[in-house]
Amino acid sequence: MVGLVKDELFLEHKPEAYHPENPKRLEYIYKMLPEIDQDGIFYISARDADPSEITYVHDPSYVNFVAATSGFWRRLDPDTYVSPRSYEVALRAVGATISLIDAVMEGKIRCGFALIRPPGHHAEKKKAMGFCLFNNVAIAARHLQRLYGLNRTAIIDFDLHHGNGTQNCFYRENSVLYISTHQYPYYPGTGWLDEIGEEEGRGYTVNVPLPYGMGDEDYVFVFRDLISPLLRQYKPEFILVSAGFDAYHRDPLGGMSLTEDGYGALTRILNDIARDVCKGRLVFVLEGGYDLQGLCSSVKRVIEELKISRPFGSDTELKPSKRVIEIVAEIKEKLSLYWRL
């Protein structure tokens, strides 16, 4: 059973003027959902997060700051806006993610996709950043620790941009393995391959900085030859995915070349791993993606792959770029003290 969470409230986070992160992103996705065979799909009701849950990751003063913007239009940084109901929407986005996770842990569904906004992976402890208000995935990981006592959670982030906020949240601990594939150099400027964590967290942050133009076979190679063996050694009890679709080949903010087939293959790989190591517990959480048709068709493909749950052929012949092969080899060398790769 695949769980989906959606809510019309997410459309109330609105820019005053044109902004790539706008309600049409979810309007397109929500209109698409009836096209998917509904057999095996279960819709989860979203709840509002309590502000205390936001402080699992964010400083209380920052939560109060965002709450104080209610009723106003405002820019929190050059990229990130709030509108009169944005605080309310952001609480619902966190609560929706937690609701989906609870449904997995309670056995109501095996996996799912939180179709929410605003996105979250850039949000830092004390500031908004990169379209993000609260870090949905990071708070979800803390929820898994606090409520269910999980000691090993993996976060896979395939958004075009590096998830600086998520990385910083877990950089000094080993209870979360954070792995990010992203275009580099690009916003926000972090995520080089030598950023591997500190103190107890050394080796538990893995960055895969990819050059401009990488496509399906490059990403699949990274997931099959690096991310899969890492996850199978770590044996997470739950896998969270920061699912950004701005690496899509037509995305106006991106420079990568992923297609629907690529996103489908990445989903199959993660689904395989989840079935093998953590009872299938796998939750995708929407991050970026700004070509509306590409976002919609890619999300559809991910949901269908979760639903079908077909294996990915480990012997699939791939022809990644020479540079990607070199990057993976360099990452393996840097991680050799911590992992058998």
C-alpha atoms as a PDB file:
ATOM      1  CA  MET A   1       0.000   0.000   0.000  1.00  0.00           C
ATOM      2  CA  VAL A   2       1.367   3.421  -1.035  1.00  0.00           C
ATOM      3  CA  GLY A   3       0.303   6.402   1.052  1.00  0.00           C
ATOM      4  CA  LEU A   4      -0.123   9.883  -0.379  1.00  0.00           C
ATOM      5  CA  VAL A   5      -0.757  13.064   1.534  1.00  0.00           C
ATOM      6  CA  LYS A   6      -2.105  16.204  -0.087  1.00  0.00           C
ATOM      7  CA  ASP A   7      -3.991  19.209   1.222  1.00  0.00           C
ATOM      8  CA  GLU A   8      -5.525  22.268  -0.424  1.00  0.00           C
ATOM      9  CA  LEU A   9      -4.008  24.435   2.319  1.00  0.00           C
ATOM     10  CA  PHE A  10      -0.619  24.018   0.646  1.00  0.00           C
ATOM     11  CA  LEU A  11      -1.902  26.232  -2.187  1.00  0.00           C
ATOM     12  CA  GLU A  12      -2.246  29.171   0.243  1.00  0.00           C
ATOM     13  CA  HIS A  13       1.505  29.830   0.379  1.00  0.00           C
ATOM     14  CA  LYS A  14       1.536  32.433  -2.417  1.00  0.00           C
ATOM     15  CA  PRO A  15       4.049  34.933  -3.787  1.00  0.00           C
ATOM     16  CA  GLU A  16       2.967  38.532  -4.405  1.00  0.00           C
ATOM     17  CA  ALA A  17       4.592  38.459  -7.856  1.00  0.00           C
ATOM     18  CA  TYR A  18       5.985  35.672 -10.029  1.00  0.00           C
ATOM     19  CA  HIS A  19       8.143  33.194  -8.160  1.00  0.00           C
ATOM     20  CA  PRO A  20       9.166  29.709  -9.344  1.00  0.00           C
ATOM     21  CA  GLU A  21       8.000  28.168  -6.044  1.00  0.00           C
ATOM     22  CA  ASN A  22       4.283  28.830  -6.390  1.00  0.00           C
ATOM     23  CA  PRO A  23       0.958  26.979  -5.936  1.00  0.00           C
ATOM     24  CA  LYS A  24       0.838  25.784  -9.542  1.00  0.00           C
ATOM     25  CA  ARG A  25       3.471  23.198  -8.667  1.00  0.00           C
ATOM     26  CA  LEU A  26       0.974  21.293  -6.533  1.00  0.00           C
ATOM     27  CA  GLU A  27      -2.062  22.207  -8.616  1.00  0.00           C
ATOM     28  CA  TYR A  28      -0.520  20.319 -11.542  1.00  0.00           C
ATOM     29  CA  ILE A  29       0.365  17.333  -9.354  1.00  0.00           C
ATOM     30  CA  TYR A  30      -3.042  17.172  -7.653  1.00  0.00           C
ATOM     31  CA  LYS A  31      -4.844  17.277 -11.009  1.00  0.00           C
ATOM     32  CA  MET A  32      -2.642  14.422 -12.212  1.00  0.00           C
ATOM     33  CA  LEU A  33      -3.305  12.027  -9.310  1.00  0.00           C
ATOM     34  CA  PRO A  34      -6.609  10.586 -10.641  1.00  0.00           C
ATOM     35  CA  GLU A  35      -4.666   9.375 -13.713  1.00  0.00           C
ATOM     36  CA  ILE A  36      -2.872   6.854 -11.491  1.00  0.00           C
ATOM     37  CA  ASP A  37      -4.636   3.546 -10.884  1.00  0.00           C
ATOM     38  CA  GLN A  38      -6.015   4.077  -7.381  1.00  0.00           C
ATOM     39  CA  ASP A  39      -5.820   0.400  -6.441  1.00  0.00           C
ATOM     40  CA  GLY A  40      -3.141   0.220  -3.765  1.00  0.00           C
ATOM     41  CA  ILE A  41      -3.194   3.999  -3.116  1.00  0.00           C
ATOM     42  CA  PHE A  42      -4.219   5.225   0.332  1.00  0.00           C
ATOM     43  CA  TYR A  43      -4.670   8.923   1.124  1.00  0.00           C
ATOM     44  CA  ILE A  44      -3.446  10.069   4.531  1.00  0.00           C
ATOM     45  CA  SER A  45      -4.990  13.086   6.254  1.00  0.00           C
ATOM     46  CA  ALA A  46      -2.549  15.838   7.125  1.00  0.00           C
ATOM     47  CA  ARG A  47      -2.424  17.444  10.545  1.00  0.00           C
ATOM     48  CA  ASP A  48      -0.796  20.633  11.779  1.00  0.00           C
ATOM     49  CA  ALA A  49       2.537  20.208  13.487  1.00  0.00           C
ATOM     50  CA  ASP A  50       2.744  21.575  16.977  1.00  0.00           C
ATOM     51  CA  PRO A  51       5.321  24.404  17.215  1.00  0.00           C
ATOM     52  CA  SER A  52       7.181  22.262  19.761  1.00  0.00           C
ATOM     53  CA  GLU A  53       7.763  19.686  16.999  1.00  0.00           C
ATOM     54  CA  ILE A  54       9.353  22.363  14.822  1.00  0.00           C
ATOM     55  CA  THR A  55      11.860  22.983  17.615  1.00  0.00           C
ATOM     56  CA  TYR A  56      13.186  19.456  17.147  1.00  0.00           C
ATOM     57  CA  VAL A  57      15.335  21.177  14.508  1.00  0.00           C
ATOM     58  CA  HIS A  58      14.746  24.937  14.649  1.00  0.00           C
ATOM     59  CA  ASP A  59      15.494  27.467  17.363  1.00  0.00           C
ATOM     60  CA  PRO A  60      12.326  28.591  19.209  1.00  0.00           C
ATOM     61  CA  SER A  61      13.132  32.226  18.433  1.00  0.00           C
ATOM     62  CA  TYR A  62      13.094  31.435  14.711  1.00  0.00           C
ATOM     63  CA  VAL A  63       9.769  29.583  14.999  1.00  0.00           C
ATOM     64  CA  ASN A  64       8.323  32.624  16.776  1.00  0.00           C
ATOM     65  CA  PHE A  65       9.762  34.888  14.080  1.00  0.00           C
ATOM     66  CA  VAL A  66       8.010  32.951  11.307  1.00  0.00           C
ATOM     67  CA  ALA A  67       4.787  32.834  13.338  1.00  0.00           C
ATOM     68  CA  ALA A  68       4.907  36.634  13.640  1.00  0.00           C
ATOM     69  CA  THR A  69       4.754  36.982   9.847  1.00  0.00           C
ATOM     70  CA  SER A  70       1.183  35.626   9.813  1.00  0.00           C
ATOM     71  CA  GLY A  71      -1.100  38.024   8.000  1.00  0.00           C
ATOM     72  CA  PHE A  72       1.720  39.700   6.045  1.00  0.00           C
ATOM     73  CA  TRP A  73       3.583  39.487   2.755  1.00  0.00           C
ATOM     74  CA  ARG A  74       7.319  39.577   3.371  1.00  0.00           C
ATOM     75  CA  ARG A  75      10.693  38.506   2.020  1.00  0.00           C
ATOM     76  CA  LEU A  76      12.778  36.579   4.534  1.00  0.00           C
ATOM     77  CA  ASP A  77      15.770  36.550   2.207  1.00  0.00           C
ATOM     78  CA  PRO A  78      16.218  37.409  -1.504  1.00  0.00           C
ATOM     79  CA  ASP A  79      14.767  34.018  -2.507  1.00  0.00           C
ATOM     80  CA  THR A  80      12.282  33.175   0.237  1.00  0.00           C
ATOM     81  CA  TYR A  81       8.896  34.778   0.809  1.00  0.00           C
ATOM     82  CA  VAL A  82       6.015  34.448   3.215  1.00  0.00           C
ATOM     83  CA  SER A  83       2.394  35.333   2.555  1.00  0.00           C
ATOM     84  CA  PRO A  84      -0.429  35.852   5.086  1.00  0.00           C
ATOM     85  CA  ARG A  85      -1.005  32.081   5.655  1.00  0.00           C
ATOM     86  CA  SER A  86       2.530  30.780   5.103  1.00  0.00           C
ATOM     87  CA  TYR A  87       3.201  29.945   8.762  1.00  0.00           C
ATOM     88  CA  GLU A  88      -0.027  27.950   8.875  1.00  0.00           C
ATOM     89  CA  VAL A  89       0.910  26.192   5.643  1.00  0.00           C
ATOM     90  CA  ALA A  90       4.424  25.409   6.879  1.00  0.00           C
ATOM     91  CA  LEU A  91       3.042  23.833  10.062  1.00  0.00           C
ATOM     92  CA  ARG A  92       0.732  21.688   7.931  1.00  0.00           C
ATOM     93  CA  ALA A  93       3.644  20.650   5.672  1.00  0.00           C
ATOM     94  CA  VAL A  94       5.625  19.358   8.649  1.00  0.00           C
ATOM     95  CA  GLY A  95       2.532  17.739  10.142  1.00  0.00           C
ATOM     96  CA  ALA A  96       1.682  16.070   6.831  1.00  0.00           C
ATOM     97  CA  THR A  97       5.146  14.540   6.632  1.00  0.00           C
ATOM     98  CA  ILE A  98       4.868  13.268  10.195  1.00  0.00           C
ATOM     99  CA  SER A  99       1.371  11.891   9.510  1.00  0.00           C
ATOM    100  CA  LEU A 100       2.715   9.876   6.591  1.00  0.00           C
ATOM    101  CA  ILE A 101       5.587   8.535   8.668  1.00  0.00           C
ATOM    102  CA  ASP A 102       3.225   7.558  11.473  1.00  0.00           C
ATOM    103  CA  ALA A 103       1.065   5.659   8.974  1.00  0.00           C
ATOM    104  CA  VAL A 104       4.132   3.704   7.854  1.00  0.00           C
ATOM    105  CA  MET A 105       5.240   2.948  11.411  1.00  0.00           C
ATOM    106  CA  GLU A 106       1.713   1.860  12.360  1.00  0.00           C
ATOM    107  CA  GLY A 107       1.608  -0.549   9.418  1.00  0.00           C
ATOM    108  CA  LYS A 108      -1.220   1.191   7.548  1.00  0.00           C
ATOM    109  CA  ILE A 109       0.989   1.673   4.483  1.00  0.00           C
ATOM    110  CA  ARG A 110       4.411   0.428   3.414  1.00  0.00           C
ATOM    111  CA  CYS A 111       5.736   3.599   1.798  1.00  0.00           C
ATOM    112  CA  GLY A 112       4.514   6.969   0.613  1.00  0.00           C
ATOM    113  CA  PHE A 113       4.942  10.426  -0.862  1.00  0.00           C
ATOM    114  CA  ALA A 114       4.238  13.713   0.954  1.00  0.00           C
ATOM    115  CA  LEU A 115       3.017  16.099  -1.757  1.00  0.00           C
ATOM    116  CA  ILE A 116       3.618  19.280   0.191  1.00  0.00           C
ATOM    117  CA  ARG A 117       5.053  22.760   0.051  1.00  0.00           C
ATOM    118  CA  PRO A 118       6.911  24.908   0.938  1.00  0.00           C
ATOM    119  CA  PRO A 119      10.034  22.771   0.543  1.00  0.00           C
ATOM    120  CA  GLY A 120      12.439  22.406   3.428  1.00  0.00           C
ATOM    121  CA  HIS A 121      15.964  21.104   2.911  1.00  0.00           C
ATOM    122  CA  HIS A 122      17.680  24.519   2.820  1.00  0.00           C
ATOM    123  CA  ALA A 123      16.069  25.773   6.047  1.00  0.00           C
ATOM    124  CA  GLU A 124      18.672  26.244   8.768  1.00  0.00           C
ATOM    125  CA  LYS A 125      18.266  26.168  12.532  1.00  0.00           C
ATOM    126  CA  LYS A 126      17.746  29.919  12.769  1.00  0.00           C
ATOM    127  CA  LYS A 127      16.872  31.107   9.271  1.00  0.00           C
ATOM    128  CA  ALA A 128      14.824  30.567   6.149  1.00  0.00           C
ATOM    129  CA  MET A 129      16.716  29.959   2.942  1.00  0.00           C
ATOM    130  CA  GLY A 130      16.250  28.888  -0.672  1.00  0.00           C
ATOM    131  CA  PHE A 131      12.400  28.921  -0.734  1.00  0.00           C
ATOM    132  CA  CYS A 132      12.337  26.883   2.526  1.00  0.00           C
ATOM    133  CA  LEU A 133      10.773  27.804   5.881  1.00  0.00           C
ATOM    134  CA  PHE A 134      10.931  24.672   8.068  1.00  0.00           C
ATOM    135  CA  ASN A 135      13.046  21.613   7.329  1.00  0.00           C
ATOM    136  CA  ASN A 136      10.331  18.993   6.809  1.00  0.00           C
ATOM    137  CA  VAL A 137      12.635  16.000   6.358  1.00  0.00           C
ATOM    138  CA  ALA A 138      15.000  16.845   9.203  1.00  0.00           C
ATOM    139  CA  ILE A 139      12.081  17.280  11.611  1.00  0.00           C
ATOM    140  CA  ALA A 140      10.662  13.964  10.389  1.00  0.00           C
ATOM    141  CA  ALA A 141      13.957  12.226  11.163  1.00  0.00           C
ATOM    142  CA  ARG A 142      13.922  13.679  14.677  1.00  0.00           C
ATOM    143  CA  HIS A 143      10.314  12.515  15.065  1.00  0.00           C
ATOM    144  CA  LEU A 144      11.395   8.972  14.205  1.00  0.00           C
ATOM    145  CA  GLN A 145      14.076   9.177  16.886  1.00  0.00           C
ATOM    146  CA  ARG A 146      11.921  10.740  19.591  1.00  0.00           C
ATOM    147  CA  LEU A 147       8.640   8.882  19.153  1.00  0.00           C
ATOM    148  CA  TYR A 148       9.825   5.521  17.834  1.00  0.00           C
ATOM    149  CA  GLY A 149      13.369   5.339  19.190  1.00  0.00           C
ATOM    150  CA  LEU A 150      14.983   4.695  15.804  1.00  0.00           C
ATOM    151  CA  ASN A 151      18.784   4.777  15.903  1.00  0.00           C
ATOM    152  CA  ARG A 152      19.490   4.647  12.167  1.00  0.00           C
ATOM    153  CA  THR A 153      17.624   6.797   9.670  1.00  0.00           C
ATOM    154  CA  ALA A 154      18.861   7.503   6.142  1.00  0.00           C
ATOM    155  CA  ILE A 155      18.050  10.680   4.225  1.00  0.00           C
ATOM    156  CA  ILE A 156      18.641  10.587   0.466  1.00  0.00           C
ATOM    157  CA  ASP A 157      18.477  14.005  -1.192  1.00  0.00           C
ATOM    158  CA  PHE A 158      18.358  14.038  -5.006  1.00  0.00           C
ATOM    159  CA  ASP A 159      17.249  17.652  -5.394  1.00  0.00           C
ATOM    160  CA  LEU A 160      19.353  19.660  -7.856  1.00  0.00           C
ATOM    161  CA  HIS A 161      20.589  21.799  -4.957  1.00  0.00           C
ATOM    162  CA  HIS A 162      22.556  20.664  -1.924  1.00  0.00           C
ATOM    163  CA  GLY A 163      20.461  20.365   1.242  1.00  0.00           C
ATOM    164  CA  ASN A 164      22.644  22.510   3.468  1.00  0.00           C
ATOM    165  CA  GLY A 165      20.058  22.746   6.249  1.00  0.00           C
ATOM    166  CA  THR A 166      19.626  18.987   6.506  1.00  0.00           C
ATOM    167  CA  GLN A 167      23.368  18.367   6.411  1.00  0.00           C
ATOM    168  CA  ASN A 168      24.048  20.859   9.184  1.00  0.00           C
ATOM    169  CA  CYS A 169      21.368  19.343  11.388  1.00  0.00           C
ATOM    170  CA  PHE A 170      23.056  15.917  11.514  1.00  0.00           C
ATOM    171  CA  TYR A 171      26.704  16.738  10.720  1.00  0.00           C
ATOM    172  CA  ARG A 172      28.081  15.625  14.091  1.00  0.00           C
ATOM    173  CA  GLU A 173      26.077  12.454  14.700  1.00  0.00           C
ATOM    174  CA  ASN A 174      25.749   8.946  13.312  1.00  0.00           C
ATOM    175  CA  SER A 175      22.043   8.368  13.962  1.00  0.00           C
ATOM    176  CA  VAL A 176      21.280   9.807  10.521  1.00  0.00           C
ATOM    177  CA  LEU A 177      23.129   8.982   7.311  1.00  0.00           C
ATOM    178  CA  TYR A 178      22.700  11.951   4.956  1.00  0.00           C
ATOM    179  CA  ILE A 179      23.494  11.419   1.268  1.00  0.00           C
ATOM    180  CA  SER A 180      23.064  14.173  -1.317  1.00  0.00           C
ATOM    181  CA  THR A 181      23.466  14.208  -5.089  1.00  0.00           C
ATOM    182  CA  HIS A 182      23.499  17.760  -6.468  1.00  0.00           C
ATOM    183  CA  GLN A 183      24.807  20.037  -9.182  1.00  0.00           C
ATOM    184  CA  TYR A 184      28.094  21.627  -8.153  1.00  0.00           C
ATOM    185  CA  PRO A 185      29.130  24.405  -8.105  1.00  0.00           C
ATOM    186  CA  TYR A 186      25.661  25.835  -7.689  1.00  0.00           C
ATOM    187  CA  TYR A 187      23.381  27.284  -5.016  1.00  0.00           C
ATOM    188  CA  PRO A 188      23.896  27.220  -2.039  1.00  0.00           C
ATOM    189  CA  GLY A 189      27.611  26.599  -2.614  1.00  0.00           C
ATOM    190  CA  THR A 190      27.966  23.768  -0.097  1.00  0.00           C
ATOM    191  CA  GLY A 191      28.182  20.023  -0.566  1.00  0.00           C
ATOM    192  CA  TRP A 192      31.715  19.331  -1.786  1.00  0.00           C
ATOM    193  CA  LEU A 193      32.845  15.726  -1.469  1.00  0.00           C
ATOM    194  CA  ASP A 194      35.209  16.415   1.426  1.00  0.00           C
ATOM    195  CA  GLU A 195      32.247  17.415   3.635  1.00  0.00           C
ATOM    196  CA  ILE A 196      31.848  14.034   5.353  1.00  0.00           C
ATOM    197  CA  GLY A 197      30.793  15.000   8.884  1.00  0.00           C
ATOM    198  CA  GLU A 198      32.576  15.757  12.135  1.00  0.00           C
ATOM    199  CA  GLU A 199      33.093  14.044  15.493  1.00  0.00           C
ATOM    200  CA  GLU A 200      30.762  11.008  15.763  1.00  0.00           C
ATOM    201  CA  GLY A 201      29.293  11.976  12.410  1.00  0.00           C
ATOM    202  CA  ARG A 202      32.452  11.462  10.363  1.00  0.00           C
ATOM    203  CA  GLY A 203      31.543   9.294   7.403  1.00  0.00           C
ATOM    204  CA  TYR A 204      27.808   9.791   7.907  1.00  0.00           C
ATOM    205  CA  THR A 205      27.485  12.755   5.544  1.00  0.00           C
ATOM    206  CA  VAL A 206      28.093  11.785   1.924  1.00  0.00           C
ATOM    207  CA  ASN A 207      28.062  14.430  -0.792  1.00  0.00           C
ATOM    208  CA  VAL A 208      28.079  13.615  -4.487  1.00  0.00           C
ATOM    209  CA  PRO A 209      28.792  16.916  -6.292  1.00  0.00           C
ATOM    210  CA  LEU A 210      27.976  16.417  -9.964  1.00  0.00           C
ATOM    211  CA  PRO A 211      28.962  18.602 -12.911  1.00  0.00           C
ATOM    212  CA  TYR A 212      26.502  20.313 -15.227  1.00  0.00           C
ATOM    213  CA  GLY A 213      24.535  18.180 -17.669  1.00  0.00           C
ATOM    214  CA  MET A 214      24.515  14.786 -15.960  1.00  0.00           C
ATOM    215  CA  GLY A 215      21.683  12.485 -16.998  1.00  0.00           C
ATOM    216  CA  ASP A 216      19.907   9.243 -16.213  1.00  0.00           C
ATOM    217  CA  GLU A 217      22.840   6.850 -16.534  1.00  0.00           C
ATOM    218  CA  ASP A 218      25.101   9.086 -14.435  1.00  0.00           C
ATOM    219  CA  TYR A 219      22.595   9.255 -11.587  1.00  0.00           C
ATOM    220  CA  VAL A 220      21.748   5.559 -11.767  1.00  0.00           C
ATOM    221  CA  PHE A 221      25.460   4.711 -11.625  1.00  0.00           C
ATOM    222  CA  VAL A 222      25.856   6.839  -8.470  1.00  0.00           C
ATOM    223  CA  PHE A 223      22.834   5.214  -6.833  1.00  0.00           C
ATOM    224  CA  ARG A 224      23.759   1.667  -7.846  1.00  0.00           C
ATOM    225  CA  ASP A 225      27.526   1.773  -7.232  1.00  0.00           C
ATOM    226  CA  LEU A 226      27.775   4.144  -4.270  1.00  0.00           C
ATOM    227  CA  ILE A 227      24.478   4.840  -2.513  1.00  0.00           C
ATOM    228  CA  SER A 228      23.163   1.279  -2.589  1.00  0.00           C
ATOM    229  CA  PRO A 229      26.234  -0.311  -0.929  1.00  0.00           C
ATOM    230  CA  LEU A 230      26.301   2.496   1.656  1.00  0.00           C
ATOM    231  CA  LEU A 231      22.670   1.954   2.607  1.00  0.00           C
ATOM    232  CA  ARG A 232      23.017  -1.815   2.690  1.00  0.00           C
ATOM    233  CA  GLN A 233      25.914  -1.497   5.131  1.00  0.00           C
ATOM    234  CA  TYR A 234      24.235   1.136   7.291  1.00  0.00           C
ATOM    235  CA  LYS A 235      20.963  -0.831   7.389  1.00  0.00           C
ATOM    236  CA  PRO A 236      18.674   2.113   8.143  1.00  0.00           C
ATOM    237  CA  GLU A 237      15.449   1.455   9.985  1.00  0.00           C
ATOM    238  CA  PHE A 238      13.695   4.036   7.797  1.00  0.00           C
ATOM    239  CA  ILE A 239      14.598   5.822   4.536  1.00  0.00           C
ATOM    240  CA  LEU A 240      13.487   9.400   3.904  1.00  0.00           C
ATOM    241  CA  VAL A 241      13.922  11.006   0.494  1.00  0.00           C
ATOM    242  CA  SER A 242      14.214  14.728  -0.158  1.00  0.00           C
ATOM    243  CA  ALA A 243      12.653  14.421  -3.593  1.00  0.00           C
ATOM    244  CA  GLY A 244      13.486  17.451  -5.698  1.00  0.00           C
ATOM    245  CA  PHE A 245      12.752  17.317  -9.413  1.00  0.00           C
ATOM    246  CA  ASP A 246      14.768  20.334 -10.536  1.00  0.00           C
ATOM    247  CA  ALA A 247      17.427  18.040 -12.043  1.00  0.00           C
ATOM    248  CA  TYR A 248      14.818  17.376 -14.751  1.00  0.00           C
ATOM    249  CA  HIS A 249      16.172  18.135 -18.216  1.00  0.00           C
ATOM    250  CA  ARG A 250      13.816  21.062 -18.897  1.00  0.00           C
ATOM    251  CA  ASP A 251      13.859  22.663 -15.451  1.00  0.00           C
ATOM    252  CA  PRO A 252      14.345  26.455 -15.711  1.00  0.00           C
ATOM    253  CA  LEU A 253      16.524  26.610 -12.581  1.00  0.00           C
ATOM    254  CA  GLY A 254      18.590  23.539 -13.343  1.00  0.00           C
ATOM    255  CA  GLY A 255      21.376  22.303 -15.523  1.00  0.00           C
ATOM    256  CA  MET A 256      20.946  18.545 -15.367  1.00  0.00           C
ATOM    257  CA  SER A 257      19.377  16.075 -17.779  1.00  0.00           C
ATOM    258  CA  LEU A 258      17.288  13.605 -15.785  1.00  0.00           C
ATOM    259  CA  THR A 259      14.110  12.242 -17.358  1.00  0.00           C
ATOM    260  CA  GLU A 260      11.078  10.430 -16.007  1.00  0.00           C
ATOM    261  CA  ASP A 261      12.888   7.154 -16.743  1.00  0.00           C
ATOM    262  CA  GLY A 262      15.785   8.275 -14.564  1.00  0.00           C
ATOM    263  CA  TYR A 263      13.552   9.162 -11.635  1.00  0.00           C
ATOM    264  CA  GLY A 264      11.800   5.839 -12.058  1.00  0.00           C
ATOM    265  CA  ALA A 265      15.103   3.955 -11.917  1.00  0.00           C
ATOM    266  CA  LEU A 266      16.227   5.817  -8.782  1.00  0.00           C
ATOM    267  CA  THR A 267      12.916   4.954  -7.145  1.00  0.00           C
ATOM    268  CA  ARG A 268      13.298   1.262  -8.011  1.00  0.00           C
ATOM    269  CA  ILE A 269      16.785   1.196  -6.493  1.00  0.00           C
ATOM    270  CA  LEU A 270      15.619   2.826  -3.259  1.00  0.00           C
ATOM    271  CA  ASN A 271      12.541   0.599  -3.125  1.00  0.00           C
ATOM    272  CA  ASP A 272      14.739  -2.499  -3.480  1.00  0.00           C
ATOM    273  CA  ILE A 273      16.965  -1.363  -0.633  1.00  0.00           C
ATOM    274  CA  ALA A 274      14.032  -0.437   1.612  1.00  0.00           C
ATOM    275  CA  ARG A 275      12.416  -3.844   1.139  1.00  0.00           C
ATOM    276  CA  ASP A 276      15.695  -5.576   1.974  1.00  0.00           C
ATOM    277  CA  VAL A 277      16.846  -3.577   5.000  1.00  0.00           C
ATOM    278  CA  CYS A 278      13.927  -1.742   6.651  1.00  0.00           C
ATOM    279  CA  LYS A 279      10.659  -3.550   5.943  1.00  0.00           C
ATOM    280  CA  GLY A 280       9.974  -1.315   2.932  1.00  0.00           C
ATOM    281  CA  ARG A 281       9.771   1.851   5.041  1.00  0.00           C
ATOM    282  CA  LEU A 282      10.378   4.547   2.449  1.00  0.00           C
ATOM    283  CA  VAL A 283       8.871   8.047   2.376  1.00  0.00           C
ATOM    284  CA  PHE A 284       9.451  10.647  -0.338  1.00  0.00           C
ATOM    285  CA  VAL A 285       8.963  14.320   0.594  1.00  0.00           C
ATOM    286  CA  LEU A 286       8.606  16.916  -2.163  1.00  0.00           C
ATOM    287  CA  GLU A 287      11.349  19.523  -2.431  1.00  0.00           C
ATOM    288  CA  GLY A 288      12.088  21.427  -5.667  1.00  0.00           C
ATOM    289  CA  GLY A 289      11.062  21.090  -9.310  1.00  0.00           C
ATOM    290  CA  TYR A 290       9.955  24.057 -11.410  1.00  0.00           C
ATOM    291  CA  ASP A 291       9.105  22.797 -14.885  1.00  0.00           C
ATOM    292  CA  LEU A 292       5.442  22.133 -14.203  1.00  0.00           C
ATOM    293  CA  GLN A 293       4.889  19.392 -16.752  1.00  0.00           C
ATOM    294  CA  GLY A 294       8.187  17.711 -15.924  1.00  0.00           C
ATOM    295  CA  LEU A 295       7.513  17.905 -12.204  1.00  0.00           C
ATOM    296  CA  CYS A 296       4.076  16.400 -12.673  1.00  0.00           C
ATOM    297  CA  SER A 297       5.169  13.551 -14.949  1.00  0.00           C
ATOM    298  CA  SER A 298       8.189  12.723 -12.780  1.00  0.00           C
ATOM    299  CA  VAL A 299       6.142  12.598  -9.567  1.00  0.00           C
ATOM    300  CA  LYS A 300       3.642  10.377 -11.360  1.00  0.00           C
ATOM    301  CA  ARG A 301       6.439   8.021 -12.376  1.00  0.00           C
ATOM    302  CA  VAL A 302       7.786   7.834  -8.823  1.00  0.00           C
ATOM    303  CA  ILE A 303       4.353   7.006  -7.387  1.00  0.00           C
ATOM    304  CA  GLU A 304       3.755   4.356 -10.047  1.00  0.00           C
ATOM    305  CA  GLU A 305       7.145   2.770  -9.330  1.00  0.00           C
ATOM    306  CA  LEU A 306       6.412   2.724  -5.609  1.00  0.00           C
ATOM    307  CA  LYS A 307       3.090   1.100  -6.371  1.00  0.00           C
ATOM    308  CA  ILE A 308       4.429  -1.537  -8.779  1.00  0.00           C
ATOM    309  CA  SER A 309       7.444  -2.240  -6.563  1.00  0.00           C
ATOM    310  CA  ARG A 310       9.472  -3.935  -9.301  1.00  0.00           C
ATOM    311  CA  PRO A 311      13.172  -4.761  -8.832  1.00  0.00           C
ATOM    312  CA  PHE A 312      16.040  -2.897 -10.457  1.00  0.00           C
ATOM    313  CA  GLY A 313      18.430  -5.076 -12.411  1.00  0.00           C
ATOM    314  CA  SER A 314      21.837  -4.928 -10.735  1.00  0.00           C
ATOM    315  CA  ASP A 315      23.454  -6.084 -13.988  1.00  0.00           C
ATOM    316  CA  THR A 316      21.971  -3.247 -16.062  1.00  0.00           C
ATOM    317  CA  GLU A 317      24.652  -1.947 -18.424  1.00  0.00           C
ATOM    318  CA  LEU A 318      25.408   1.725 -17.819  1.00  0.00           C
ATOM    319  CA  LYS A 319      27.582   4.263 -19.603  1.00  0.00           C
ATOM    320  CA  PRO A 320      28.144   7.084 -17.117  1.00  0.00           C
ATOM    321  CA  SER A 321      30.450   9.960 -17.914  1.00  0.00           C
ATOM    322  CA  LYS A 322      34.122   9.592 -17.108  1.00  0.00           C
ATOM    323  CA  ARG A 323      33.881  12.476 -14.617  1.00  0.00           C
ATOM    324  CA  VAL A 324      31.101  10.783 -12.636  1.00  0.00           C
ATOM    325  CA  ILE A 325      33.137   7.570 -12.438  1.00  0.00           C
ATOM    326  CA  GLU A 326      36.068   9.619 -11.124  1.00  0.00           C
ATOM    327  CA  ILE A 327      33.890  11.413  -8.536  1.00  0.00           C
ATOM    328  CA  VAL A 328      32.485   8.144  -7.212  1.00  0.00           C
ATOM    329  CA  ALA A 329      35.989   6.676  -6.954  1.00  0.00           C
ATOM    330  CA  GLU A 330      37.221   9.741  -5.042  1.00  0.00           C
ATOM    331  CA  ILE A 331      34.268   9.586  -2.645  1.00  0.00           C
ATOM    332  CA  LYS A 332      34.890   5.904  -1.982  1.00  0.00           C
ATOM    333  CA  GLU A 333      38.512   6.692  -1.163  1.00  0.00           C
ATOM    334  CA  LYS A 334      37.521   9.443   1.286  1.00  0.00           C
ATOM    335  CA  LEU A 335      35.017   7.129   2.973  1.00  0.00           C
ATOM    336  CA  SER A 336      37.301   4.081   3.076  1.00  0.00           C
ATOM    337  CA  LEU A 337      38.026   4.558   6.808  1.00  0.00           C
ATOM    338  CA  TYR A 338      34.304   4.278   7.572  1.00  0.00           C
ATOM    339  CA  TRP A 339      32.727   1.997   4.941  1.00  0.00           C
ATOM    340  CA  ARG A 340      33.639  -1.056   2.894  1.00  0.00           C
ATOM    341  CA  LEU A 341      33.106   0.217  -0.625  1.00  0.00           C
END
